[in-house]
Amino acid sequence: MAYGTNQRLQKIKHLLQYLGLSVAILAIWQALFQLGYIKPIILPPPSQVALTFCDLLKSGAMAKHVGISVLRVLEGFGIAAVLGLSFGIAIGLSRTLDRLTDLIIQVIKPIPPIAWIPLAILWFGIGEQSKVYIIFLGAFFPIIINTIDGIRQTDHKFVEVARILEVPRRKFVRQVVIPGALPAIMTGIRVGLMVAWMCVVAAELIAASSGIGYLIMDARQLSQSDVVLVGMITIGVIGKLMDSVIKRLEKRLIGWKVSFAGD
């Protein structure tokens, strides 16, 4: 009984620690508004942002914008994950392929996705393809780079043992290299998903009439800072939920990994 009570108290403590800073920031933000230190046109209070969110939810506008943006992110991120993992594994396993592709990857990697918008419009027009392409570019490079690095970090002792025992290459890659690279690969996928959401606003600059990015940009033009904040927070919350799903998947795939969680 005492053990169960201690466990519940521990969970409550962890929950308070998890939410404490966020709640404190919201409380200070609201208090500064009430005291007149913050003008609503510059930074509306949390209460006003919450009311605006409820209004958008009731009108159905929020569900529409969120659904379209989520679909675009999933399409762009899905393509980036498939190609990033495929090319990353191939390059990580082949020195020749690495030499052939390294210069191209290193030159294109630093170019921000928003710089590709003019070419995306020329290549794909102003439809959905150009928006998905921008999101794909943002997510692709974190995935491929982390996949290559994860494979390159395979312990050399395992490589030598596999050579001595004459383990078939396919079996060695499937049972040793890929499992060992999974932590880095999952990190790349999580970062890629985060960047994909960051690219939504840039992607929806391309003649969009819907989506969270469009909602933010339209509200900016109308000086509706409360709607801008609703859009920003919505992106953050959805990104967090999707990241949590990937973290759960990571725990299942990498059950053997013991991480340092801090003191």
Protein backbone atom coordinates (compact mmCIF):
# COMPACT_ATOMS: atom_id res chain seq x y z
CA MET A 1 0.00 0.00 0.00
CA ALA A 2 2.79 2.38 1.00
CA TYR A 3 4.69 1.46 -2.17
CA GLY A 4 1.66 2.29 -4.34
CA THR A 5 1.19 5.63 -2.55
CA ASN A 6 4.87 6.52 -3.03
CA GLN A 7 4.62 5.64 -6.69
CA ARG A 8 1.60 7.93 -7.15
CA LEU A 9 3.34 10.75 -5.31
CA GLN A 10 6.40 10.28 -7.51
CA LYS A 11 4.24 10.49 -10.65
CA ILE A 12 2.53 13.65 -9.37
CA LYS A 13 5.94 15.16 -8.61
CA HIS A 14 7.22 14.37 -12.11
CA LEU A 15 4.05 15.81 -13.67
CA LEU A 16 4.41 19.03 -11.66
CA GLN A 17 8.05 19.31 -12.72
CA TYR A 18 7.07 18.69 -16.34
CA LEU A 19 4.33 21.34 -16.39
CA GLY A 20 5.65 23.72 -13.75
CA LEU A 21 7.83 26.00 -15.89
CA SER A 22 5.23 26.30 -18.65
CA VAL A 23 2.47 27.18 -16.18
CA ALA A 24 4.74 29.71 -14.46
CA ILE A 25 5.56 31.42 -17.77
CA LEU A 26 1.85 31.64 -18.67
CA ALA A 27 1.02 33.06 -15.23
CA ILE A 28 3.78 35.71 -15.43
CA TRP A 29 2.73 36.56 -19.00
CA GLN A 30 -0.92 37.05 -17.92
CA ALA A 31 0.13 39.05 -14.83
CA LEU A 32 2.32 41.41 -16.88
CA PHE A 33 -0.65 42.04 -19.18
CA GLN A 34 -2.98 42.72 -16.25
CA LEU A 35 -0.47 45.17 -14.78
CA GLY A 36 -0.28 47.01 -18.11
CA TYR A 37 3.33 46.19 -18.99
CA ILE A 38 2.35 44.38 -22.21
CA LYS A 39 0.14 45.84 -24.93
CA PRO A 40 -2.33 43.33 -26.43
CA ILE A 41 -1.52 44.40 -30.01
CA ILE A 42 2.13 43.42 -29.43
CA LEU A 43 1.64 40.31 -27.29
CA PRO A 44 -1.94 39.32 -26.39
CA PRO A 45 -2.39 37.55 -23.03
CA PRO A 46 -2.87 33.77 -22.73
CA SER A 47 -6.56 34.27 -21.93
CA GLN A 48 -7.15 36.06 -25.24
CA VAL A 49 -5.12 33.46 -27.17
CA ALA A 50 -7.23 30.69 -25.58
CA LEU A 51 -10.47 32.46 -26.53
CA THR A 52 -9.25 32.93 -30.11
CA PHE A 53 -8.34 29.26 -30.30
CA CYS A 54 -11.83 28.28 -29.08
CA ASP A 55 -13.44 30.60 -31.66
CA LEU A 56 -11.37 29.08 -34.49
CA LEU A 57 -12.20 25.60 -33.21
CA LYS A 58 -15.95 26.30 -33.07
CA SER A 59 -15.99 27.80 -36.57
CA GLY A 60 -14.23 24.72 -37.98
CA ALA A 61 -11.40 26.83 -39.42
CA MET A 62 -8.78 25.37 -37.08
CA ALA A 63 -9.65 21.75 -37.93
CA LYS A 64 -9.49 22.56 -41.65
CA HIS A 65 -6.09 24.31 -41.47
CA VAL A 66 -4.59 21.69 -39.13
CA GLY A 67 -5.78 18.77 -41.27
CA ILE A 68 -4.29 20.21 -44.45
CA SER A 69 -0.94 21.06 -42.82
CA VAL A 70 -0.66 17.66 -41.16
CA LEU A 71 -1.31 15.95 -44.50
CA ARG A 72 1.38 18.06 -46.21
CA VAL A 73 3.89 17.35 -43.44
CA LEU A 74 3.18 13.61 -43.51
CA GLU A 75 3.60 13.49 -47.29
CA GLY A 76 6.85 15.47 -47.36
CA PHE A 77 8.27 13.77 -44.28
CA GLY A 78 7.24 10.30 -45.49
CA ILE A 79 9.07 10.75 -48.80
CA ALA A 80 12.10 12.20 -46.98
CA ALA A 81 12.18 9.26 -44.55
CA VAL A 82 12.03 6.62 -47.29
CA LEU A 83 14.67 8.27 -49.49
CA GLY A 84 16.83 9.50 -46.59
CA LEU A 85 17.02 6.05 -45.00
CA SER A 86 17.57 4.26 -48.32
CA PHE A 87 20.35 6.57 -49.55
CA GLY A 88 21.81 6.94 -46.05
CA ILE A 89 22.20 3.19 -45.59
CA ALA A 90 23.61 2.75 -49.11
CA ILE A 91 26.14 5.59 -48.67
CA GLY A 92 27.07 4.48 -45.16
CA LEU A 93 27.91 0.99 -46.43
CA SER A 94 29.83 2.06 -49.54
CA ARG A 95 33.01 4.16 -49.63
CA THR A 96 32.67 4.60 -53.39
CA LEU A 97 29.12 5.90 -53.11
CA ASP A 98 30.22 8.16 -50.27
CA ARG A 99 32.94 9.72 -52.43
CA LEU A 100 30.51 10.18 -55.32
CA THR A 101 27.82 11.90 -53.25
CA ASP A 102 29.66 13.71 -50.43
CA LEU A 103 30.36 16.95 -52.32
CA ILE A 104 26.77 17.26 -53.58
CA ILE A 105 25.27 16.56 -50.15
CA GLN A 106 27.61 18.95 -48.35
CA VAL A 107 26.94 21.78 -50.84
CA ILE A 108 23.15 21.41 -50.95
CA LYS A 109 22.67 20.67 -47.22
CA PRO A 110 23.22 24.26 -45.92
CA ILE A 111 20.77 25.83 -48.43
CA PRO A 112 17.59 26.75 -46.51
CA PRO A 113 14.39 25.22 -47.91
CA ILE A 114 12.83 28.69 -48.34
CA ALA A 115 15.53 29.49 -50.93
CA TRP A 116 14.13 26.69 -53.10
CA ILE A 117 10.67 28.29 -53.37
CA PRO A 118 11.29 30.04 -56.75
CA LEU A 119 12.57 26.80 -58.31
CA ALA A 120 9.79 24.78 -56.68
CA ILE A 121 7.22 27.05 -58.35
CA LEU A 122 8.98 26.72 -61.74
CA TRP A 123 9.25 22.93 -61.47
CA PHE A 124 5.95 22.01 -59.82
CA GLY A 125 3.72 25.08 -60.18
CA ILE A 126 1.79 26.52 -57.24
CA GLY A 127 -0.11 23.34 -56.33
CA GLU A 128 0.44 20.81 -53.57
CA GLN A 129 3.58 19.29 -55.12
CA SER A 130 5.67 22.43 -54.58
CA LYS A 131 4.62 22.64 -50.92
CA VAL A 132 5.37 18.96 -50.28
CA TYR A 133 8.74 19.40 -52.03
CA ILE A 134 9.80 22.21 -49.67
CA ILE A 135 8.84 20.11 -46.63
CA PHE A 136 10.66 17.11 -48.12
CA LEU A 137 13.87 19.13 -48.53
CA GLY A 138 13.77 20.27 -44.91
CA ALA A 139 13.32 16.75 -43.53
CA PHE A 140 15.60 14.87 -45.94
CA PHE A 141 19.05 16.05 -44.86
CA PRO A 142 18.78 15.45 -41.08
CA ILE A 143 17.62 11.89 -41.82
CA ILE A 144 20.29 11.01 -44.39
CA ILE A 145 23.16 12.61 -42.41
CA ASN A 146 22.22 10.87 -39.15
CA THR A 147 21.74 7.55 -40.95
CA ILE A 148 25.20 7.77 -42.54
CA ASP A 149 26.81 8.79 -39.23
CA GLY A 150 25.01 6.01 -37.34
CA ILE A 151 26.30 3.36 -39.73
CA ARG A 152 29.83 4.81 -39.63
CA GLN A 153 29.82 4.54 -35.83
CA THR A 154 29.57 0.74 -35.95
CA ASP A 155 32.13 -0.66 -33.51
CA HIS A 156 35.23 -1.78 -35.45
CA LYS A 157 35.52 -4.82 -33.17
CA PHE A 158 32.24 -6.16 -34.56
CA VAL A 159 33.51 -5.63 -38.10
CA GLU A 160 36.69 -7.59 -37.38
CA VAL A 161 34.79 -10.43 -35.66
CA ALA A 162 32.40 -10.66 -38.61
CA ARG A 163 35.35 -10.90 -41.01
CA ILE A 164 37.07 -13.58 -38.93
CA LEU A 165 33.86 -15.64 -38.66
CA GLU A 166 33.12 -14.99 -42.35
CA VAL A 167 29.61 -13.76 -41.56
CA PRO A 168 27.67 -13.06 -44.81
CA ARG A 169 27.54 -9.32 -45.56
CA ARG A 170 23.75 -9.17 -45.67
CA LYS A 171 23.45 -10.87 -42.31
CA PHE A 172 26.12 -8.62 -40.80
CA VAL A 173 24.36 -5.48 -42.05
CA ARG A 174 20.92 -6.68 -40.97
CA GLN A 175 21.86 -7.98 -37.52
CA VAL A 176 24.77 -5.75 -36.49
CA VAL A 177 25.11 -2.53 -38.52
CA ILE A 178 21.45 -1.47 -38.74
CA PRO A 179 20.56 -2.24 -35.08
CA GLY A 180 23.71 -0.40 -33.95
CA ALA A 181 22.83 2.61 -36.09
CA LEU A 182 19.19 2.77 -34.93
CA PRO A 183 19.76 5.35 -32.13
CA ALA A 184 21.30 7.80 -34.61
CA ILE A 185 18.68 6.96 -37.26
CA MET A 186 15.81 7.62 -34.83
CA THR A 187 17.42 10.93 -33.83
CA GLY A 188 17.58 11.87 -37.52
CA ILE A 189 13.91 10.98 -37.97
CA ARG A 190 12.90 13.09 -34.96
CA VAL A 191 14.96 16.07 -36.13
CA GLY A 192 13.64 15.61 -39.67
CA LEU A 193 10.06 15.72 -38.40
CA MET A 194 10.80 18.88 -36.41
CA VAL A 195 12.31 20.58 -39.46
CA ALA A 196 9.34 19.43 -41.57
CA TRP A 197 7.02 21.36 -39.27
CA MET A 198 9.34 24.36 -39.39
CA CYS A 199 9.07 24.26 -43.19
CA VAL A 200 5.26 24.28 -43.19
CA VAL A 201 5.13 28.08 -42.94
CA ALA A 202 7.66 28.45 -45.77
CA ALA A 203 5.84 25.86 -47.90
CA GLU A 204 2.49 27.54 -47.40
CA LEU A 205 3.86 30.85 -48.64
CA ILE A 206 3.43 29.37 -52.13
CA ALA A 207 -0.02 30.65 -53.13
CA ALA A 208 -1.71 28.73 -50.31
CA SER A 209 -5.28 29.36 -49.22
CA SER A 210 -5.26 26.94 -46.30
CA GLY A 211 -2.96 25.41 -43.72
CA ILE A 212 -1.52 26.64 -40.43
CA GLY A 213 1.26 28.52 -42.21
CA TYR A 214 -1.33 30.33 -44.33
CA LEU A 215 -3.33 31.10 -41.17
CA ILE A 216 -0.24 32.67 -39.55
CA MET A 217 0.75 34.71 -42.61
CA ASP A 218 -2.83 35.92 -43.21
CA ALA A 219 -3.16 36.94 -39.55
CA ARG A 220 0.17 38.80 -39.72
CA GLN A 221 -1.09 40.90 -42.62
CA LEU A 222 -4.24 41.74 -40.64
CA SER A 223 -2.22 42.45 -37.44
CA GLN A 224 -4.05 39.66 -35.58
CA SER A 225 -1.27 38.72 -33.19
CA ASP A 226 -3.57 36.44 -31.18
CA VAL A 227 -4.26 34.30 -34.30
CA VAL A 228 -0.53 34.27 -35.09
CA LEU A 229 0.18 32.89 -31.60
CA VAL A 230 -2.60 30.31 -31.93
CA GLY A 231 -1.02 29.07 -35.16
CA MET A 232 2.47 28.96 -33.66
CA ILE A 233 1.37 27.13 -30.52
CA THR A 234 -0.70 24.69 -32.59
CA ILE A 235 2.34 23.78 -34.69
CA GLY A 236 4.35 23.27 -31.50
CA VAL A 237 1.73 21.06 -29.84
CA ILE A 238 1.16 18.87 -32.92
CA GLY A 239 4.93 18.57 -33.41
CA LYS A 240 5.28 17.52 -29.78
CA LEU A 241 2.54 14.87 -30.10
CA MET A 242 4.10 13.42 -33.26
CA ASP A 243 7.54 13.42 -31.63
CA SER A 244 6.10 11.53 -28.65
CA VAL A 245 4.77 8.85 -31.01
CA ILE A 246 8.24 8.46 -32.55
CA LYS A 247 9.83 8.30 -29.08
CA ARG A 248 7.49 5.44 -28.14
CA LEU A 249 8.43 3.65 -31.37
CA GLU A 250 12.10 4.27 -30.57
CA LYS A 251 11.73 2.63 -27.14
CA ARG A 252 10.24 -0.46 -28.75
CA LEU A 253 12.89 -0.69 -31.46
CA ILE A 254 15.83 0.10 -29.17
CA GLY A 255 14.83 -1.61 -25.95
CA TRP A 256 18.45 -2.58 -25.35
CA LYS A 257 19.65 1.02 -25.26
CA VAL A 258 20.37 2.36 -21.77
CA SER A 259 20.38 6.16 -21.84
CA PHE A 260 21.77 8.59 -19.30
CA ALA A 261 18.76 10.56 -18.05
CA GLY A 262 20.64 12.98 -15.84
CA ASP A 263 21.16 13.05 -12.09
